[in-house]
């Protein structure tokens, strides 16, 4: 959705951070894609995630 809105580039890797109401607990390096090409999205690295 961010790529579709033009908020992030699709030609460069970005860091995506997620979590719950308790705080962020997951971060990945991802090569984004437009929603119509969702299968071309590539997770390059998992920086951290909960056990």
N, C-alpha and C. Protein backbone atom coordinates (compact mmCIF):
# COMPACT_ATOMS: atom_id res chain seq x y z
N UNK A 1 0.81 -1.18 0.00
CA UNK A 1 0.00 0.00 0.00
C UNK A 1 0.87 1.25 0.00
N UNK A 2 1.99 1.20 0.72
CA UNK A 2 2.88 2.36 0.73
C UNK A 2 3.51 2.58 -0.64
N UNK A 3 3.86 1.50 -1.33
CA UNK A 3 4.42 1.63 -2.68
C UNK A 3 3.35 2.15 -3.64
N UNK A 4 2.14 1.65 -3.53
CA UNK A 4 1.05 2.11 -4.39
C UNK A 4 0.79 3.61 -4.21
N UNK A 5 0.97 4.10 -2.98
CA UNK A 5 0.74 5.52 -2.69
C UNK A 5 1.95 6.38 -3.03
N UNK A 6 3.07 5.75 -3.45
CA UNK A 6 4.26 6.51 -3.80
C UNK A 6 5.07 6.97 -2.59
N UNK A 7 4.83 6.36 -1.43
CA UNK A 7 5.52 6.77 -0.20
C UNK A 7 6.88 6.09 -0.03
N UNK A 8 7.09 4.96 -0.68
CA UNK A 8 8.38 4.27 -0.65
C UNK A 8 8.77 3.88 -2.07
N UNK A 9 10.07 3.82 -2.35
CA UNK A 9 10.51 3.44 -3.69
C UNK A 9 10.43 1.92 -3.87
N UNK A 10 10.12 1.47 -5.07
CA UNK A 10 10.09 0.03 -5.33
C UNK A 10 11.40 -0.47 -5.93
N UNK A 11 12.33 0.44 -6.18
CA UNK A 11 13.60 0.04 -6.76
C UNK A 11 14.73 -0.01 -5.73
N UNK A 12 14.41 0.19 -4.45
CA UNK A 12 15.42 0.15 -3.38
C UNK A 12 14.87 -0.62 -2.19
N UNK A 13 15.77 -1.23 -1.43
CA UNK A 13 15.35 -1.94 -0.22
C UNK A 13 14.94 -0.95 0.86
N UNK A 14 13.98 -1.34 1.68
CA UNK A 14 13.52 -0.53 2.80
C UNK A 14 13.45 -1.42 4.04
N UNK A 15 13.38 -0.81 5.21
CA UNK A 15 13.20 -1.55 6.46
C UNK A 15 11.74 -1.42 6.87
N UNK A 16 11.11 -2.55 7.14
CA UNK A 16 9.72 -2.57 7.62
C UNK A 16 9.74 -3.00 9.08
N UNK A 17 9.02 -2.25 9.92
CA UNK A 17 8.96 -2.52 11.35
C UNK A 17 7.51 -2.76 11.73
N UNK A 18 7.28 -3.77 12.59
CA UNK A 18 5.92 -4.11 13.01
C UNK A 18 5.91 -4.55 14.47
N UNK A 19 4.74 -4.64 15.02
CA UNK A 19 4.60 -5.08 16.40
C UNK A 19 3.16 -5.04 16.85
N UNK A 20 2.99 -4.92 18.16
CA UNK A 20 1.66 -4.88 18.77
C UNK A 20 1.53 -3.61 19.58
N UNK A 21 0.46 -3.52 20.36
CA UNK A 21 0.28 -2.35 21.21
C UNK A 21 1.37 -2.24 22.28
N UNK A 22 2.11 -3.32 22.49
CA UNK A 22 3.20 -3.30 23.47
C UNK A 22 4.49 -2.74 22.89
N UNK A 23 4.55 -2.55 21.59
CA UNK A 23 5.74 -1.98 20.95
C UNK A 23 6.20 -2.78 19.75
N UNK A 24 7.17 -2.23 19.05
CA UNK A 24 7.72 -2.88 17.86
C UNK A 24 8.58 -4.06 18.29
N UNK A 25 8.42 -5.21 17.62
CA UNK A 25 9.21 -6.38 17.96
C UNK A 25 9.73 -7.13 16.74
N UNK A 26 9.43 -6.64 15.55
CA UNK A 26 9.84 -7.31 14.32
C UNK A 26 10.35 -6.28 13.33
N UNK A 27 11.46 -6.60 12.65
CA UNK A 27 12.00 -5.72 11.61
C UNK A 27 12.60 -6.58 10.50
N UNK A 28 12.33 -6.19 9.26
CA UNK A 28 12.88 -6.89 8.10
C UNK A 28 13.40 -5.89 7.09
N UNK A 29 14.33 -6.35 6.27
CA UNK A 29 14.77 -5.60 5.09
C UNK A 29 14.01 -6.22 3.92
N UNK A 30 13.32 -5.39 3.17
CA UNK A 30 12.45 -5.89 2.11
C UNK A 30 12.63 -5.08 0.83
N UNK A 31 12.54 -5.75 -0.30
CA UNK A 31 12.48 -5.09 -1.61
C UNK A 31 11.00 -5.00 -1.94
N UNK A 32 10.40 -3.82 -1.80
CA UNK A 32 8.95 -3.69 -1.95
C UNK A 32 8.48 -3.87 -3.39
N UNK A 33 7.17 -4.03 -3.52
CA UNK A 33 6.55 -4.12 -4.84
C UNK A 33 5.16 -3.50 -4.75
N UNK A 34 4.58 -3.23 -5.91
CA UNK A 34 3.21 -2.74 -5.95
C UNK A 34 2.26 -3.89 -5.61
N UNK A 35 1.08 -3.56 -5.10
CA UNK A 35 0.14 -4.60 -4.68
C UNK A 35 -0.27 -5.51 -5.83
N UNK A 36 -0.33 -4.98 -7.04
CA UNK A 36 -0.71 -5.82 -8.18
C UNK A 36 0.39 -6.82 -8.55
N UNK A 37 1.60 -6.60 -8.04
CA UNK A 37 2.72 -7.52 -8.28
C UNK A 37 3.24 -8.05 -6.94
N UNK A 38 2.31 -8.36 -6.02
CA UNK A 38 2.67 -8.75 -4.67
C UNK A 38 3.68 -9.89 -4.63
N UNK A 39 3.59 -10.83 -5.52
CA UNK A 39 4.50 -11.98 -5.51
C UNK A 39 5.95 -11.62 -5.83
N UNK A 40 6.20 -10.43 -6.32
CA UNK A 40 7.57 -10.01 -6.60
C UNK A 40 8.23 -9.37 -5.37
N UNK A 41 7.47 -9.17 -4.28
CA UNK A 41 8.04 -8.66 -3.03
C UNK A 41 9.07 -9.66 -2.52
N UNK A 42 10.23 -9.18 -2.09
CA UNK A 42 11.31 -10.05 -1.62
C UNK A 42 11.76 -9.65 -0.23
N UNK A 43 11.70 -10.58 0.71
CA UNK A 43 12.27 -10.35 2.04
C UNK A 43 13.76 -10.67 1.93
N UNK A 44 14.59 -9.67 2.15
CA UNK A 44 16.04 -9.84 2.00
C UNK A 44 16.71 -10.29 3.29
N UNK A 45 16.19 -9.82 4.44
CA UNK A 45 16.83 -10.13 5.71
C UNK A 45 15.83 -9.95 6.84
N UNK A 46 15.86 -10.86 7.82
CA UNK A 46 15.09 -10.69 9.05
C UNK A 46 16.05 -10.12 10.08
N UNK A 47 15.80 -8.89 10.49
CA UNK A 47 16.68 -8.23 11.46
C UNK A 47 16.38 -8.73 12.86
N UNK A 48 15.10 -8.73 13.24
CA UNK A 48 14.71 -9.27 14.55
C UNK A 48 13.26 -9.69 14.49
N UNK A 49 12.91 -10.69 15.33
CA UNK A 49 11.53 -11.14 15.45
C UNK A 49 11.37 -11.85 16.78
N UNK A 50 10.16 -11.87 17.32
CA UNK A 50 9.97 -12.51 18.62
C UNK A 50 10.10 -14.03 18.51
N UNK A 51 10.44 -14.64 19.60
CA UNK A 51 10.55 -16.11 19.64
C UNK A 51 9.23 -16.74 19.91
